[in-house]
Amino acid sequence: MRFTERELTAAVEGVARYLFAATRPPWRRAGVDAAWAALAPIDRYNRKSVVGEMVLPALQSLPERPTVGSRPEFSDDEYAEAAEAASRALLEHRSPGAWDKMPERRRRRVVRTTAGLTRRAVQAMPVRQDPDDLVVPDHL
């Protein structure tokens, strides 16, 4: 599916923040937003880079859903198919034959995790606007 740059940026940042919060100890999860803001820019970049490598190909593999005024919605099967295609491509790019060598149980776990992160990325996207209804202010 085709997404705007802003949608993809919001998706990657949303998943990176989610994983940052999930990896913090339970007694330190209260101030996640402040802790995220306190991270050095290079640390935030590294987290976003890793998330983008995993989530962006899966987002691109989703079927086209033109929606205006809401976020696109996909079924569990569509998320799983996109996650499997993206995970397979990533592993095959790094090491040819790696996907086929991986045990079936681990493959299912990778697909399930990637599908979950892709779902979270779509939820983190802003609501889509109608490009034909764009109003340019007079002062521009």
N, C-alpha and C. Protein backbone atom coordinates (compact mmCIF):
# COMPACT_ATOMS: atom_id res chain seq x y z
N MET A 1 0.84 -1.17 0.00
CA MET A 1 0.00 0.00 0.00
C MET A 1 0.89 1.24 0.00
N ARG A 2 0.39 2.29 -0.57
CA ARG A 2 1.14 3.54 -0.61
C ARG A 2 0.72 4.42 0.56
N PHE A 3 1.70 4.85 1.33
CA PHE A 3 1.46 5.74 2.45
C PHE A 3 2.25 7.02 2.21
N THR A 4 1.82 8.09 2.87
CA THR A 4 2.58 9.34 2.77
C THR A 4 3.79 9.26 3.70
N GLU A 5 4.71 10.17 3.47
CA GLU A 5 5.91 10.20 4.31
C GLU A 5 5.54 10.48 5.77
N ARG A 6 4.58 11.35 5.98
CA ARG A 6 4.14 11.67 7.35
C ARG A 6 3.52 10.45 8.04
N GLU A 7 2.73 9.68 7.30
CA GLU A 7 2.13 8.48 7.88
C GLU A 7 3.19 7.47 8.26
N LEU A 8 4.18 7.28 7.40
CA LEU A 8 5.24 6.32 7.69
C LEU A 8 6.10 6.78 8.87
N THR A 9 6.37 8.07 8.93
CA THR A 9 7.16 8.60 10.04
C THR A 9 6.42 8.40 11.36
N ALA A 10 5.14 8.71 11.37
CA ALA A 10 4.34 8.52 12.59
C ALA A 10 4.26 7.05 12.97
N ALA A 11 4.15 6.18 11.98
CA ALA A 11 4.07 4.74 12.24
C ALA A 11 5.35 4.22 12.88
N VAL A 12 6.48 4.58 12.31
CA VAL A 12 7.76 4.11 12.83
C VAL A 12 8.00 4.66 14.23
N GLU A 13 7.70 5.94 14.43
CA GLU A 13 7.91 6.51 15.76
C GLU A 13 6.96 5.88 16.79
N GLY A 14 5.73 5.61 16.40
CA GLY A 14 4.78 4.98 17.31
C GLY A 14 5.24 3.60 17.75
N VAL A 15 5.74 2.81 16.83
CA VAL A 15 6.21 1.46 17.19
C VAL A 15 7.50 1.55 18.00
N ALA A 16 8.38 2.48 17.66
CA ALA A 16 9.62 2.64 18.43
C ALA A 16 9.32 3.04 19.87
N ARG A 17 8.37 3.94 20.07
CA ARG A 17 7.97 4.33 21.43
C ARG A 17 7.34 3.15 22.17
N TYR A 18 6.53 2.38 21.48
CA TYR A 18 5.89 1.21 22.09
C TYR A 18 6.95 0.21 22.55
N LEU A 19 7.92 -0.09 21.71
CA LEU A 19 8.96 -1.04 22.08
C LEU A 19 9.86 -0.48 23.18
N PHE A 20 10.11 0.83 23.16
CA PHE A 20 10.89 1.46 24.22
C PHE A 20 10.18 1.30 25.55
N ALA A 21 8.88 1.54 25.57
CA ALA A 21 8.10 1.40 26.80
C ALA A 21 8.05 -0.06 27.26
N ALA A 22 7.95 -0.98 26.32
CA ALA A 22 7.85 -2.40 26.66
C ALA A 22 9.15 -2.95 27.23
N THR A 23 10.27 -2.36 26.87
CA THR A 23 11.56 -2.88 27.35
C THR A 23 12.01 -2.22 28.65
N ARG A 24 11.27 -1.21 29.11
CA ARG A 24 11.62 -0.60 30.39
C ARG A 24 11.13 -1.48 31.53
N PRO A 25 11.83 -1.47 32.67
CA PRO A 25 11.36 -2.25 33.82
C PRO A 25 9.98 -1.76 34.28
N PRO A 26 9.17 -2.64 34.84
CA PRO A 26 7.81 -2.25 35.23
C PRO A 26 7.76 -1.06 36.18
N TRP A 27 8.74 -0.93 37.06
CA TRP A 27 8.71 0.17 38.02
C TRP A 27 9.14 1.50 37.41
N ARG A 28 9.58 1.49 36.13
CA ARG A 28 10.00 2.73 35.47
C ARG A 28 9.12 3.08 34.27
N ARG A 29 7.98 2.44 34.13
CA ARG A 29 7.14 2.67 32.96
C ARG A 29 6.25 3.89 33.07
N ALA A 30 6.22 4.53 34.22
CA ALA A 30 5.32 5.67 34.41
C ALA A 30 5.71 6.86 33.55
N GLY A 31 6.97 7.19 33.47
CA GLY A 31 7.40 8.37 32.73
C GLY A 31 8.00 8.05 31.38
N VAL A 32 7.31 7.27 30.59
CA VAL A 32 7.84 6.84 29.30
C VAL A 32 8.04 8.01 28.35
N ASP A 33 7.07 8.92 28.30
CA ASP A 33 7.20 10.06 27.38
C ASP A 33 8.38 10.94 27.74
N ALA A 34 8.57 11.18 29.03
CA ALA A 34 9.71 11.99 29.46
C ALA A 34 11.03 11.25 29.19
N ALA A 35 11.03 9.95 29.42
CA ALA A 35 12.25 9.17 29.17
C ALA A 35 12.58 9.13 27.67
N TRP A 36 11.55 9.04 26.82
CA TRP A 36 11.76 9.06 25.37
C TRP A 36 12.35 10.41 24.94
N ALA A 37 11.81 11.48 25.49
CA ALA A 37 12.30 12.82 25.16
C ALA A 37 13.72 13.03 25.68
N ALA A 38 14.07 12.35 26.77
CA ALA A 38 15.40 12.50 27.35
C ALA A 38 16.46 11.68 26.62
N LEU A 39 16.04 10.76 25.77
CA LEU A 39 17.03 9.97 25.01
C LEU A 39 17.84 10.87 24.09
N ALA A 40 19.08 10.51 23.91
CA ALA A 40 19.92 11.24 22.97
C ALA A 40 19.35 11.03 21.56
N PRO A 41 19.45 12.03 20.69
CA PRO A 41 18.91 11.88 19.33
C PRO A 41 19.44 10.64 18.60
N ILE A 42 20.69 10.28 18.81
CA ILE A 42 21.23 9.11 18.12
C ILE A 42 20.58 7.83 18.64
N ASP A 43 20.23 7.79 19.94
CA ASP A 43 19.55 6.61 20.49
C ASP A 43 18.14 6.48 19.91
N ARG A 44 17.43 7.61 19.79
CA ARG A 44 16.11 7.56 19.17
C ARG A 44 16.23 7.13 17.71
N TYR A 45 17.23 7.65 17.01
CA TYR A 45 17.43 7.28 15.61
C TYR A 45 17.70 5.78 15.48
N ASN A 46 18.55 5.24 16.33
CA ASN A 46 18.87 3.81 16.27
C ASN A 46 17.64 2.95 16.49
N ARG A 47 16.80 3.34 17.43
CA ARG A 47 15.57 2.58 17.69
C ARG A 47 14.61 2.67 16.49
N LYS A 48 14.47 3.87 15.94
CA LYS A 48 13.59 4.04 14.78
C LYS A 48 14.13 3.28 13.56
N SER A 49 15.44 3.25 13.41
CA SER A 49 16.05 2.56 12.28
C SER A 49 15.75 1.06 12.32
N VAL A 50 15.88 0.48 13.48
CA VAL A 50 15.60 -0.96 13.62
C VAL A 50 14.13 -1.25 13.37
N VAL A 51 13.26 -0.42 13.92
CA VAL A 51 11.83 -0.61 13.72
C VAL A 51 11.48 -0.44 12.24
N GLY A 52 12.04 0.57 11.60
CA GLY A 52 11.75 0.82 10.19
C GLY A 52 12.17 -0.34 9.31
N GLU A 53 13.29 -0.95 9.64
CA GLU A 53 13.78 -2.08 8.85
C GLU A 53 12.81 -3.25 8.89
N MET A 54 12.10 -3.37 9.99
CA MET A 54 11.18 -4.49 10.15
C MET A 54 9.76 -4.14 9.68
N VAL A 55 9.31 -2.92 9.94
CA VAL A 55 7.91 -2.58 9.72
C VAL A 55 7.65 -1.99 8.33
N LEU A 56 8.54 -1.19 7.81
CA LEU A 56 8.28 -0.52 6.53
C LEU A 56 8.03 -1.48 5.37
N PRO A 57 8.82 -2.56 5.22
CA PRO A 57 8.50 -3.50 4.13
C PRO A 57 7.14 -4.17 4.31
N ALA A 58 6.75 -4.44 5.55
CA ALA A 58 5.44 -5.05 5.79
C ALA A 58 4.32 -4.07 5.46
N LEU A 59 4.51 -2.80 5.80
CA LEU A 59 3.50 -1.79 5.45
C LEU A 59 3.35 -1.68 3.94
N GLN A 60 4.46 -1.76 3.25
CA GLN A 60 4.44 -1.66 1.79
C GLN A 60 3.76 -2.88 1.16
N SER A 61 3.80 -4.01 1.84
CA SER A 61 3.20 -5.24 1.31
C SER A 61 1.70 -5.34 1.55
N LEU A 62 1.15 -4.43 2.33
CA LEU A 62 -0.30 -4.47 2.59
C LEU A 62 -1.07 -4.13 1.33
N PRO A 63 -2.29 -4.67 1.17
CA PRO A 63 -3.10 -4.35 -0.02
C PRO A 63 -3.57 -2.89 0.01
N GLU A 64 -3.83 -2.36 -1.15
CA GLU A 64 -4.24 -0.95 -1.29
C GLU A 64 -5.65 -0.77 -0.73
N ARG A 65 -5.81 0.20 0.17
CA ARG A 65 -7.10 0.55 0.75
C ARG A 65 -7.25 2.06 0.76
N PRO A 66 -7.89 2.62 -0.23
CA PRO A 66 -8.07 4.07 -0.22
C PRO A 66 -9.12 4.46 0.83
N THR A 67 -8.68 5.08 1.89
CA THR A 67 -9.58 5.51 2.95
C THR A 67 -9.34 6.99 3.23
N VAL A 68 -10.39 7.71 3.45
CA VAL A 68 -10.31 9.14 3.78
C VAL A 68 -11.11 9.35 5.05
N GLY A 69 -10.53 10.06 6.00
CA GLY A 69 -11.22 10.34 7.24
C GLY A 69 -11.04 9.28 8.30
N SER A 70 -10.25 8.24 8.01
CA SER A 70 -9.98 7.20 9.00
C SER A 70 -8.68 6.51 8.63
N ARG A 71 -8.25 5.61 9.47
CA ARG A 71 -7.07 4.81 9.18
C ARG A 71 -7.49 3.59 8.36
N PRO A 72 -6.63 3.08 7.51
CA PRO A 72 -7.00 1.87 6.76
C PRO A 72 -7.14 0.68 7.72
N GLU A 73 -8.03 -0.22 7.39
CA GLU A 73 -8.25 -1.41 8.20
C GLU A 73 -7.93 -2.64 7.38
N PHE A 74 -7.27 -3.60 8.02
CA PHE A 74 -6.86 -4.84 7.36
C PHE A 74 -7.24 -6.02 8.23
N SER A 75 -7.41 -7.17 7.61
CA SER A 75 -7.73 -8.38 8.36
C SER A 75 -6.45 -9.00 8.92
N ASP A 76 -6.63 -9.94 9.83
CA ASP A 76 -5.47 -10.63 10.41
C ASP A 76 -4.68 -11.37 9.34
N ASP A 77 -5.39 -11.96 8.37
CA ASP A 77 -4.71 -12.68 7.29
C ASP A 77 -3.87 -11.75 6.43
N GLU A 78 -4.39 -10.55 6.17
CA GLU A 78 -3.63 -9.59 5.36
C GLU A 78 -2.38 -9.13 6.09
N TYR A 79 -2.50 -8.90 7.40
CA TYR A 79 -1.30 -8.55 8.18
C TYR A 79 -0.29 -9.70 8.16
N ALA A 80 -0.78 -10.93 8.31
CA ALA A 80 0.12 -12.08 8.33
C ALA A 80 0.82 -12.28 6.99
N GLU A 81 0.08 -12.12 5.89
CA GLU A 81 0.70 -12.27 4.57
C GLU A 81 1.76 -11.20 4.32
N ALA A 82 1.45 -9.97 4.69
CA ALA A 82 2.41 -8.88 4.51
C ALA A 82 3.64 -9.09 5.39
N ALA A 83 3.42 -9.54 6.62
CA ALA A 83 4.53 -9.78 7.54
C ALA A 83 5.42 -10.92 7.05
N GLU A 84 4.79 -11.97 6.53
CA GLU A 84 5.60 -13.09 6.03
C GLU A 84 6.42 -12.68 4.81
N ALA A 85 5.82 -11.95 3.90
CA ALA A 85 6.55 -11.51 2.70
C ALA A 85 7.71 -10.60 3.09
N ALA A 86 7.48 -9.68 4.02
CA ALA A 86 8.53 -8.74 4.43
C ALA A 86 9.64 -9.46 5.19
N SER A 87 9.27 -10.37 6.09
CA SER A 87 10.27 -11.10 6.88
C SER A 87 11.11 -12.00 5.99
N ARG A 88 10.45 -12.66 5.07
CA ARG A 88 11.17 -13.54 4.13
C ARG A 88 12.16 -12.73 3.29
N ALA A 89 11.71 -11.60 2.77
CA ALA A 89 12.59 -10.77 1.95
C ALA A 89 13.78 -10.25 2.75
N LEU A 90 13.54 -9.83 3.99
CA LEU A 90 14.62 -9.30 4.81
C LEU A 90 15.66 -10.38 5.12
N LEU A 91 15.20 -11.56 5.50
CA LEU A 91 16.14 -12.63 5.81
C LEU A 91 16.88 -13.13 4.57
N GLU A 92 16.18 -13.25 3.47
CA GLU A 92 16.82 -13.71 2.24
C GLU A 92 17.84 -12.69 1.73
N HIS A 93 17.58 -11.41 1.98
CA HIS A 93 18.52 -10.37 1.56
C HIS A 93 19.81 -10.47 2.38
N ARG A 94 19.67 -10.75 3.65
CA ARG A 94 20.84 -10.83 4.53
C ARG A 94 21.64 -12.11 4.31
N SER A 95 20.93 -13.21 4.15
CA SER A 95 21.59 -14.51 3.98
C SER A 95 20.69 -15.39 3.12
N PRO A 96 21.06 -15.62 1.87
CA PRO A 96 20.22 -16.45 1.00
C PRO A 96 19.98 -17.84 1.60
N GLY A 97 18.72 -18.24 1.59
CA GLY A 97 18.34 -19.55 2.12
C GLY A 97 18.05 -19.54 3.61
N ALA A 98 18.16 -18.39 4.28
CA ALA A 98 17.96 -18.32 5.73
C ALA A 98 16.52 -18.62 6.11
N TRP A 99 15.57 -18.18 5.30
CA TRP A 99 14.16 -18.41 5.64
C TRP A 99 13.84 -19.90 5.61
N ASP A 100 14.34 -20.59 4.62
CA ASP A 100 14.06 -22.03 4.51
C ASP A 100 14.78 -22.84 5.58
N LYS A 101 15.93 -22.35 6.05
CA LYS A 101 16.69 -23.05 7.09
C LYS A 101 16.08 -22.85 8.47
N MET A 102 15.29 -21.80 8.63
CA MET A 102 14.71 -21.49 9.94
C MET A 102 13.62 -22.50 10.27
N PRO A 103 13.59 -22.97 11.53
CA PRO A 103 12.52 -23.90 11.93
C PRO A 103 11.14 -23.26 11.78
N GLU A 104 10.15 -24.08 11.49
CA GLU A 104 8.79 -23.60 11.25
C GLU A 104 8.24 -22.82 12.44
N ARG A 105 8.51 -23.30 13.62
CA ARG A 105 8.02 -22.63 14.83
C ARG A 105 8.58 -21.22 14.95
N ARG A 106 9.85 -21.04 14.67
CA ARG A 106 10.47 -19.72 14.74
C ARG A 106 9.93 -18.83 13.63
N ARG A 107 9.68 -19.40 12.44
CA ARG A 107 9.09 -18.61 11.34
C ARG A 107 7.73 -18.06 11.74
N ARG A 108 6.90 -18.92 12.34
CA ARG A 108 5.58 -18.46 12.77
C ARG A 108 5.69 -17.35 13.81
N ARG A 109 6.67 -17.47 14.71
CA ARG A 109 6.86 -16.45 15.74
C ARG A 109 7.31 -15.13 15.13
N VAL A 110 8.21 -15.19 14.17
CA VAL A 110 8.67 -13.97 13.48
C VAL A 110 7.51 -13.32 12.74
N VAL A 111 6.71 -14.11 12.05
CA VAL A 111 5.57 -13.57 11.31
C VAL A 111 4.55 -12.96 12.26
N ARG A 112 4.27 -13.64 13.35
CA ARG A 112 3.30 -13.13 14.33
C ARG A 112 3.78 -11.82 14.95
N THR A 113 5.05 -11.74 15.28
CA THR A 113 5.60 -10.51 15.87
C THR A 113 5.59 -9.37 14.87
N THR A 114 6.01 -9.64 13.65
CA THR A 114 6.02 -8.60 12.62
C THR A 114 4.61 -8.13 12.30
N ALA A 115 3.66 -9.05 12.26
CA ALA A 115 2.27 -8.67 12.00
C ALA A 115 1.73 -7.79 13.13
N GLY A 116 2.07 -8.12 14.37
CA GLY A 116 1.63 -7.31 15.50
C GLY A 116 2.23 -5.91 15.48
N LEU A 117 3.49 -5.81 15.14
CA LEU A 117 4.14 -4.50 15.05
C LEU A 117 3.58 -3.70 13.87
N THR A 118 3.25 -4.38 12.79
CA THR A 118 2.67 -3.69 11.63
C THR A 118 1.28 -3.16 11.99
N ARG A 119 0.51 -3.94 12.72
CA ARG A 119 -0.81 -3.49 13.17
C ARG A 119 -0.65 -2.26 14.07
N ARG A 120 0.31 -2.29 14.97
CA ARG A 120 0.56 -1.15 15.86
C ARG A 120 1.00 0.07 15.04
N ALA A 121 1.76 -0.15 13.97
CA ALA A 121 2.20 0.96 13.12
C ALA A 121 1.02 1.62 12.43
N VAL A 122 0.08 0.82 11.93
CA VAL A 122 -1.10 1.39 11.27
C VAL A 122 -1.94 2.16 12.28
N GLN A 123 -2.04 1.67 13.50
CA GLN A 123 -2.79 2.37 14.54
C GLN A 123 -2.14 3.68 14.93
N ALA A 124 -0.82 3.79 14.80
CA ALA A 124 -0.09 5.01 15.18
C ALA A 124 -0.16 6.08 14.09
N MET A 125 -0.64 5.72 12.90
CA MET A 125 -0.70 6.68 11.80
C MET A 125 -1.79 7.72 12.05
N PRO A 126 -1.59 8.93 11.55
CA PRO A 126 -2.66 9.93 11.65
C PRO A 126 -3.81 9.57 10.71
N VAL A 127 -4.95 10.17 10.98
CA VAL A 127 -6.13 9.95 10.13
C VAL A 127 -5.84 10.52 8.75
N ARG A 128 -6.22 9.78 7.73
CA ARG A 128 -5.95 10.21 6.35
C ARG A 128 -6.85 11.36 5.94
N GLN A 129 -6.26 12.32 5.23
CA GLN A 129 -6.99 13.49 4.75
C GLN A 129 -7.25 13.34 3.25
N ASP A 130 -8.29 13.97 2.77
CA ASP A 130 -8.62 13.95 1.36
C ASP A 130 -7.72 14.94 0.63
N PRO A 131 -6.87 14.48 -0.29
CA PRO A 131 -5.97 15.40 -0.99
C PRO A 131 -6.71 16.38 -1.90
N ASP A 132 -7.92 16.02 -2.34
CA ASP A 132 -8.69 16.94 -3.20
C ASP A 132 -9.37 18.03 -2.39
N ASP A 133 -9.46 17.84 -1.09
CA ASP A 133 -10.13 18.80 -0.23
C ASP A 133 -9.13 19.71 0.50
N LEU A 134 -7.92 19.79 -0.02
CA LEU A 134 -6.88 20.59 0.59
C LEU A 134 -7.19 22.07 0.41
N VAL A 135 -7.20 22.80 1.50
CA VAL A 135 -7.47 24.22 1.45
C VAL A 135 -6.17 24.97 1.75
N VAL A 136 -5.77 25.82 0.83
CA VAL A 136 -4.56 26.62 1.01
C VAL A 136 -4.98 27.99 1.55
N PRO A 137 -4.39 28.41 2.67
CA PRO A 137 -4.75 29.72 3.22
C PRO A 137 -4.37 30.84 2.25
N ASP A 138 -5.08 31.97 2.34
CA ASP A 138 -4.84 33.09 1.44
C ASP A 138 -3.47 33.72 1.63
N HIS A 139 -2.92 33.65 2.83
CA HIS A 139 -1.64 34.31 3.06
C HIS A 139 -0.46 33.56 2.44
N LEU A 140 -0.69 32.40 1.89
CA LEU A 140 0.39 31.67 1.23
C LEU A 140 0.34 32.01 -0.20
